[in-house]
Full PDB file with SEQRES, HELIX, SHEET, SSBOND, CRYST1, ORIGX, SCALE, CONECT and MASTER records, all heavy atoms in Angstrom:
SEQRES   1 A   38  GLY GLY GLY GLY GLY GLY ALA GLY GLY ALA SER GLY SER          
SEQRES   2 A   38  GLY GLY ALA SER GLY GLY GLU ALA GLY GLU ALA GLY ALA          
SEQRES   3 A   38  ALA GLY ALA ALA GLY ASP PHE GLY SER GLY GLY ALA              
HELIX    1 AA1 GLY A    6  SER A   11  5                                   6    
HELIX    2 AA2 ALA A   21  ALA A   29  1                                   9    
HELIX    3 AA3 ALA A   30  PHE A   33  5                                   4    
HELIX    4 AA4 SER A   35  GLY A   37  5                                   3    
CRYST1    1.000    1.000    1.000  90.00  90.00  90.00 P 1           1          
ORIGX1      1.000000  0.000000  0.000000        0.00000                         
ORIGX2      0.000000  1.000000  0.000000        0.00000                         
ORIGX3      0.000000  0.000000  1.000000        0.00000                         
SCALE1      1.000000  0.000000  0.000000        0.00000                         
SCALE2      0.000000  1.000000  0.000000        0.00000                         
SCALE3      0.000000  0.000000  1.000000        0.00000                         
ATOM      1  N   GLY A   1       0.782  -1.189   0.021  1.00  0.00           N  
ATOM      2  CA  GLY A   1      -0.021  -0.051  -0.021  1.00  0.00           C  
ATOM      3  C   GLY A   1       0.839   1.277   0.028  1.00  0.00           C  
ATOM      4  O   GLY A   1       2.043   1.263   0.219  1.00  0.00           O  
ATOM      5  N   GLY A   2       0.175   2.364  -0.308  1.00  0.00           N  
ATOM      6  CA  GLY A   2       0.794   3.635  -0.241  1.00  0.00           C  
ATOM      7  C   GLY A   2       1.667   4.026  -1.348  1.00  0.00           C  
ATOM      8  O   GLY A   2       2.343   5.018  -1.437  1.00  0.00           O  
ATOM      9  N   GLY A   3       1.743   3.098  -2.347  1.00  0.00           N  
ATOM     10  CA  GLY A   3       2.558   3.338  -3.520  1.00  0.00           C  
ATOM     11  C   GLY A   3       4.069   3.304  -3.312  1.00  0.00           C  
ATOM     12  O   GLY A   3       4.804   3.675  -4.166  1.00  0.00           O  
ATOM     13  N   GLY A   4       4.511   2.801  -2.098  1.00  0.00           N  
ATOM     14  CA  GLY A   4       5.904   2.811  -1.823  1.00  0.00           C  
ATOM     15  C   GLY A   4       6.719   1.923  -2.700  1.00  0.00           C  
ATOM     16  O   GLY A   4       7.946   2.176  -2.824  1.00  0.00           O  
ATOM     17  N   GLY A   5       6.160   0.886  -3.280  1.00  0.00           N  
ATOM     18  CA  GLY A   5       6.998  -0.102  -4.098  1.00  0.00           C  
ATOM     19  C   GLY A   5       7.116   0.240  -5.541  1.00  0.00           C  
ATOM     20  O   GLY A   5       7.806  -0.400  -6.242  1.00  0.00           O  
ATOM     21  N   GLY A   6       6.420   1.222  -6.025  1.00  0.00           N  
ATOM     22  CA  GLY A   6       6.439   1.507  -7.451  1.00  0.00           C  
ATOM     23  C   GLY A   6       7.770   1.816  -8.072  1.00  0.00           C  
ATOM     24  O   GLY A   6       8.068   1.495  -9.174  1.00  0.00           O  
ATOM     25  N   ALA A   7       8.616   2.494  -7.257  1.00  0.00           N  
ATOM     26  CA  ALA A   7       9.908   2.914  -7.806  1.00  0.00           C  
ATOM     27  C   ALA A   7      10.776   1.696  -8.191  1.00  0.00           C  
ATOM     28  O   ALA A   7      11.551   1.780  -9.141  1.00  0.00           O  
ATOM     29  CB  ALA A   7      10.659   3.822  -6.819  1.00  0.00           C  
ATOM     30  N   GLY A   8      10.696   0.644  -7.444  1.00  0.00           N  
ATOM     31  CA  GLY A   8      11.531  -0.564  -7.760  1.00  0.00           C  
ATOM     32  C   GLY A   8      11.242  -1.119  -9.131  1.00  0.00           C  
ATOM     33  O   GLY A   8      12.081  -1.703  -9.745  1.00  0.00           O  
ATOM     34  N   GLY A   9      10.040  -0.953  -9.643  1.00  0.00           N  
ATOM     35  CA  GLY A   9       9.671  -1.443 -10.915  1.00  0.00           C  
ATOM     36  C   GLY A   9      10.377  -0.823 -12.058  1.00  0.00           C  
ATOM     37  O   GLY A   9      10.354  -1.358 -13.204  1.00  0.00           O  
ATOM     38  N   ALA A  10      11.070   0.174 -11.852  1.00  0.00           N  
ATOM     39  CA  ALA A  10      11.711   0.856 -12.968  1.00  0.00           C  
ATOM     40  C   ALA A  10      12.744   0.014 -13.581  1.00  0.00           C  
ATOM     41  O   ALA A  10      13.082   0.120 -14.780  1.00  0.00           O  
ATOM     42  CB  ALA A  10      12.341   2.247 -12.478  1.00  0.00           C  
ATOM     43  N   SER A  11      13.412  -0.857 -12.775  1.00  0.00           N  
ATOM     44  CA  SER A  11      14.401  -1.741 -13.364  1.00  0.00           C  
ATOM     45  C   SER A  11      13.933  -3.087 -13.608  1.00  0.00           C  
ATOM     46  O   SER A  11      14.671  -3.940 -14.081  1.00  0.00           O  
ATOM     47  CB  SER A  11      15.611  -1.768 -12.400  1.00  0.00           C  
ATOM     48  OG  SER A  11      15.194  -2.112 -11.095  1.00  0.00           O  
ATOM     49  N   GLY A  12      12.658  -3.364 -13.327  1.00  0.00           N  
ATOM     50  CA  GLY A  12      12.147  -4.708 -13.655  1.00  0.00           C  
ATOM     51  C   GLY A  12      10.814  -4.626 -14.423  1.00  0.00           C  
ATOM     52  O   GLY A  12      10.791  -3.935 -15.445  1.00  0.00           O  
ATOM     53  N   SER A  13       9.807  -5.143 -13.834  1.00  0.00           N  
ATOM     54  CA  SER A  13       8.566  -5.186 -14.548  1.00  0.00           C  
ATOM     55  C   SER A  13       7.767  -3.856 -14.384  1.00  0.00           C  
ATOM     56  O   SER A  13       6.816  -3.641 -15.159  1.00  0.00           O  
ATOM     57  CB  SER A  13       7.673  -6.322 -14.053  1.00  0.00           C  
ATOM     58  OG  SER A  13       7.345  -6.054 -12.698  1.00  0.00           O  
ATOM     59  N   GLY A  14       8.097  -3.005 -13.479  1.00  0.00           N  
ATOM     60  CA  GLY A  14       7.368  -1.798 -13.226  1.00  0.00           C  
ATOM     61  C   GLY A  14       6.355  -1.934 -12.179  1.00  0.00           C  
ATOM     62  O   GLY A  14       5.639  -2.972 -12.154  1.00  0.00           O  
ATOM     63  N   GLY A  15       6.260  -1.028 -11.252  1.00  0.00           N  
ATOM     64  CA  GLY A  15       5.267  -1.082 -10.205  1.00  0.00           C  
ATOM     65  C   GLY A  15       4.287   0.020 -10.297  1.00  0.00           C  
ATOM     66  O   GLY A  15       4.718   1.193 -10.556  1.00  0.00           O  
ATOM     67  N   ALA A  16       3.016  -0.182  -9.967  1.00  0.00           N  
ATOM     68  CA  ALA A  16       2.028   0.878 -10.017  1.00  0.00           C  
ATOM     69  C   ALA A  16       1.912   1.400  -8.579  1.00  0.00           C  
ATOM     70  O   ALA A  16       2.257   0.739  -7.618  1.00  0.00           O  
ATOM     71  CB  ALA A  16       0.686   0.331 -10.489  1.00  0.00           C  
ATOM     72  N   SER A  17       1.345   2.600  -8.372  1.00  0.00           N  
ATOM     73  CA  SER A  17       1.283   3.191  -7.126  1.00  0.00           C  
ATOM     74  C   SER A  17       0.069   2.604  -6.373  1.00  0.00           C  
ATOM     75  O   SER A  17      -1.003   2.198  -7.004  1.00  0.00           O  
ATOM     76  CB  SER A  17       1.128   4.740  -7.194  1.00  0.00           C  
ATOM     77  OG  SER A  17      -0.017   5.024  -7.929  1.00  0.00           O  
ATOM     78  N   GLY A  18       0.236   2.617  -5.021  1.00  0.00           N  
ATOM     79  CA  GLY A  18      -0.965   2.152  -4.212  1.00  0.00           C  
ATOM     80  C   GLY A  18      -1.164   0.708  -4.076  1.00  0.00           C  
ATOM     81  O   GLY A  18      -0.635  -0.065  -4.879  1.00  0.00           O  
ATOM     82  N   GLY A  19      -1.882   0.244  -2.990  1.00  0.00           N  
ATOM     83  CA  GLY A  19      -2.288  -1.099  -2.859  1.00  0.00           C  
ATOM     84  C   GLY A  19      -1.057  -2.050  -2.864  1.00  0.00           C  
ATOM     85  O   GLY A  19      -0.118  -1.836  -2.124  1.00  0.00           O  
ATOM     86  N   GLU A  20      -1.132  -3.095  -3.767  1.00  0.00           N  
ATOM     87  CA  GLU A  20      -0.066  -4.054  -3.847  1.00  0.00           C  
ATOM     88  C   GLU A  20       1.080  -3.627  -4.733  1.00  0.00           C  
ATOM     89  O   GLU A  20       1.847  -4.449  -5.099  1.00  0.00           O  
ATOM     90  CB  GLU A  20      -0.598  -5.389  -4.285  1.00  0.00           C  
ATOM     91  CG  GLU A  20      -1.498  -6.081  -3.233  1.00  0.00           C  
ATOM     92  CD  GLU A  20      -1.897  -7.475  -3.671  1.00  0.00           C  
ATOM     93  OE1 GLU A  20      -1.125  -8.106  -4.436  1.00  0.00           O  
ATOM     94  OE2 GLU A  20      -2.952  -7.905  -3.231  1.00  0.00           O  
ATOM     95  N   ALA A  21       1.101  -2.408  -5.121  1.00  0.00           N  
ATOM     96  CA  ALA A  21       2.155  -1.914  -5.988  1.00  0.00           C  
ATOM     97  C   ALA A  21       3.479  -2.157  -5.350  1.00  0.00           C  
ATOM     98  O   ALA A  21       4.525  -2.339  -6.083  1.00  0.00           O  
ATOM     99  CB  ALA A  21       1.979  -0.443  -6.303  1.00  0.00           C  
ATOM    100  N   GLY A  22       3.594  -2.223  -4.079  1.00  0.00           N  
ATOM    101  CA  GLY A  22       4.889  -2.510  -3.376  1.00  0.00           C  
ATOM    102  C   GLY A  22       5.495  -3.798  -3.860  1.00  0.00           C  
ATOM    103  O   GLY A  22       6.618  -3.995  -3.980  1.00  0.00           O  
ATOM    104  N   GLU A  23       4.661  -4.859  -3.962  1.00  0.00           N  
ATOM    105  CA  GLU A  23       5.165  -6.200  -4.381  1.00  0.00           C  
ATOM    106  C   GLU A  23       5.634  -6.094  -5.825  1.00  0.00           C  
ATOM    107  O   GLU A  23       6.633  -6.676  -6.230  1.00  0.00           O  
ATOM    108  CB  GLU A  23       4.033  -7.233  -4.318  1.00  0.00           C  
ATOM    109  CG  GLU A  23       3.700  -7.571  -2.864  1.00  0.00           C  
ATOM    110  CD  GLU A  23       2.718  -8.709  -2.823  1.00  0.00           C  
ATOM    111  OE1 GLU A  23       2.755  -9.586  -3.671  1.00  0.00           O  
ATOM    112  OE2 GLU A  23       1.889  -8.756  -1.894  1.00  0.00           O  
ATOM    113  N   ALA A  24       4.898  -5.344  -6.732  1.00  0.00           N  
ATOM    114  CA  ALA A  24       5.413  -5.220  -8.107  1.00  0.00           C  
ATOM    115  C   ALA A  24       6.754  -4.533  -8.104  1.00  0.00           C  
ATOM    116  O   ALA A  24       7.634  -4.907  -8.929  1.00  0.00           O  
ATOM    117  CB  ALA A  24       4.395  -4.429  -8.921  1.00  0.00           C  
ATOM    118  N   GLY A  25       6.927  -3.546  -7.234  1.00  0.00           N  
ATOM    119  CA  GLY A  25       8.214  -2.862  -7.181  1.00  0.00           C  
ATOM    120  C   GLY A  25       9.314  -3.787  -6.702  1.00  0.00           C  
ATOM    121  O   GLY A  25      10.414  -3.796  -7.204  1.00  0.00           O  
ATOM    122  N   ALA A  26       9.016  -4.736  -5.745  1.00  0.00           N  
ATOM    123  CA  ALA A  26      10.063  -5.680  -5.253  1.00  0.00           C  
ATOM    124  C   ALA A  26      10.525  -6.548  -6.420  1.00  0.00           C  
ATOM    125  O   ALA A  26      11.666  -6.818  -6.509  1.00  0.00           O  
ATOM    126  CB  ALA A  26       9.504  -6.460  -4.166  1.00  0.00           C  
ATOM    127  N   ALA A  27       9.619  -6.943  -7.237  1.00  0.00           N  
ATOM    128  CA  ALA A  27       9.988  -7.798  -8.346  1.00  0.00           C  
ATOM    129  C   ALA A  27      10.915  -6.986  -9.287  1.00  0.00           C  
ATOM    130  O   ALA A  27      11.856  -7.503  -9.864  1.00  0.00           O  
ATOM    131  CB  ALA A  27       8.795  -8.279  -9.085  1.00  0.00           C  
ATOM    132  N   GLY A  28      10.561  -5.748  -9.426  1.00  0.00           N  
ATOM    133  CA  GLY A  28      11.325  -4.876 -10.377  1.00  0.00           C  
ATOM    134  C   GLY A  28      12.712  -4.656  -9.821  1.00  0.00           C  
ATOM    135  O   GLY A  28      13.614  -4.462 -10.672  1.00  0.00           O  
ATOM    136  N   ALA A  29      13.031  -4.719  -8.513  1.00  0.00           N  
ATOM    137  CA  ALA A  29      14.298  -4.428  -8.054  1.00  0.00           C  
ATOM    138  C   ALA A  29      15.363  -5.378  -8.591  1.00  0.00           C  
ATOM    139  O   ALA A  29      16.507  -5.128  -8.809  1.00  0.00           O  
ATOM    140  CB  ALA A  29      14.324  -4.475  -6.531  1.00  0.00           C  
ATOM    141  N   ALA A  30      14.897  -6.632  -8.784  1.00  0.00           N  
ATOM    142  CA  ALA A  30      15.793  -7.672  -9.387  1.00  0.00           C  
ATOM    143  C   ALA A  30      16.034  -7.374 -10.831  1.00  0.00           C  
ATOM    144  O   ALA A  30      16.848  -8.034 -11.437  1.00  0.00           O  
ATOM    145  CB  ALA A  30      15.178  -8.973  -9.263  1.00  0.00           C  
ATOM    146  N   GLY A  31      15.385  -6.447 -11.418  1.00  0.00           N  
ATOM    147  CA  GLY A  31      15.503  -6.117 -12.870  1.00  0.00           C  
ATOM    148  C   GLY A  31      16.856  -5.599 -13.228  1.00  0.00           C  
ATOM    149  O   GLY A  31      17.072  -5.277 -14.398  1.00  0.00           O  
ATOM    150  N   ASP A  32      17.834  -5.389 -12.296  1.00  0.00           N  
ATOM    151  CA  ASP A  32      19.181  -4.948 -12.739  1.00  0.00           C  
ATOM    152  C   ASP A  32      19.706  -6.001 -13.699  1.00  0.00           C  
ATOM    153  O   ASP A  32      20.633  -5.732 -14.400  1.00  0.00           O  
ATOM    154  CB  ASP A  32      20.070  -4.922 -11.486  1.00  0.00           C  
ATOM    155  CG  ASP A  32      19.748  -3.740 -10.611  1.00  0.00           C  
ATOM    156  OD1 ASP A  32      19.159  -2.776 -11.136  1.00  0.00           O  
ATOM    157  OD2 ASP A  32      20.114  -3.755  -9.465  1.00  0.00           O  
ATOM    158  N   PHE A  33      19.216  -7.200 -13.683  1.00  0.00           N  
ATOM    159  CA  PHE A  33      19.787  -8.311 -14.498  1.00  0.00           C  
ATOM    160  C   PHE A  33      18.808  -8.653 -15.668  1.00  0.00           C  
ATOM    161  O   PHE A  33      19.071  -9.584 -16.300  1.00  0.00           O  
ATOM    162  CB  PHE A  33      20.053  -9.531 -13.614  1.00  0.00           C  
ATOM    163  CG  PHE A  33      21.121  -9.326 -12.668  1.00  0.00           C  
ATOM    164  CD1 PHE A  33      20.886  -8.738 -11.433  1.00  0.00           C  
ATOM    165  CD2 PHE A  33      22.436  -9.655 -12.995  1.00  0.00           C  
ATOM    166  CE1 PHE A  33      21.934  -8.514 -10.592  1.00  0.00           C  
ATOM    167  CE2 PHE A  33      23.450  -9.427 -12.080  1.00  0.00           C  
ATOM    168  CZ  PHE A  33      23.189  -8.875 -10.850  1.00  0.00           C  
ATOM    169  N   GLY A  34      17.698  -7.956 -15.761  1.00  0.00           N  
ATOM    170  CA  GLY A  34      16.778  -8.309 -16.824  1.00  0.00           C  
ATOM    171  C   GLY A  34      15.375  -8.051 -16.455  1.00  0.00           C  
ATOM    172  O   GLY A  34      15.003  -7.748 -15.264  1.00  0.00           O  
ATOM    173  N   SER A  35      14.484  -8.075 -17.376  1.00  0.00           N  
ATOM    174  CA  SER A  35      13.055  -7.774 -17.083  1.00  0.00           C  
ATOM    175  C   SER A  35      12.455  -8.643 -16.099  1.00  0.00           C  
ATOM    176  O   SER A  35      12.555  -9.848 -16.167  1.00  0.00           O  
ATOM    177  CB  SER A  35      12.272  -7.836 -18.418  1.00  0.00           C  
ATOM    178  OG  SER A  35      10.900  -7.611 -18.187  1.00  0.00           O  
ATOM    179  N   GLY A  36      11.773  -8.021 -15.101  1.00  0.00           N  
ATOM    180  CA  GLY A  36      11.053  -8.811 -14.076  1.00  0.00           C  
ATOM    181  C   GLY A  36      11.943  -9.534 -13.140  1.00  0.00           C  
ATOM    182  O   GLY A  36      11.502 -10.461 -12.548  1.00  0.00           O  
ATOM    183  N   GLY A  37      13.173  -9.206 -13.070  1.00  0.00           N  
ATOM    184  CA  GLY A  37      14.042  -9.852 -12.073  1.00  0.00           C  
ATOM    185  C   GLY A  37      14.688 -11.137 -12.677  1.00  0.00           C  
ATOM    186  O   GLY A  37      15.175 -11.914 -11.900  1.00  0.00           O  
ATOM    187  N   ALA A  38      14.589 -11.384 -13.944  1.00  0.00           N  
ATOM    188  CA  ALA A  38      15.179 -12.569 -14.460  1.00  0.00           C  
ATOM    189  C   ALA A  38      16.743 -12.516 -14.467  1.00  0.00           C  
ATOM    190  O   ALA A  38      17.257 -11.471 -14.777  1.00  0.00           O  
ATOM    191  CB  ALA A  38      14.706 -12.800 -15.865  1.00  0.00           C  
TER     192      ALA A  38                                                      
MASTER        0    0    0    4    0    0    0    6  191    1    0    3          
END                                                                             
């Protein structure tokens, strides 16, 4: 919630603000190595 995870998605799959966007952002953090944390 609160849109806190959206920034992490910039390097992975991308995170939206609000709600479960934090989880999307966590996946994105792994994106230093490829889309979606691959």
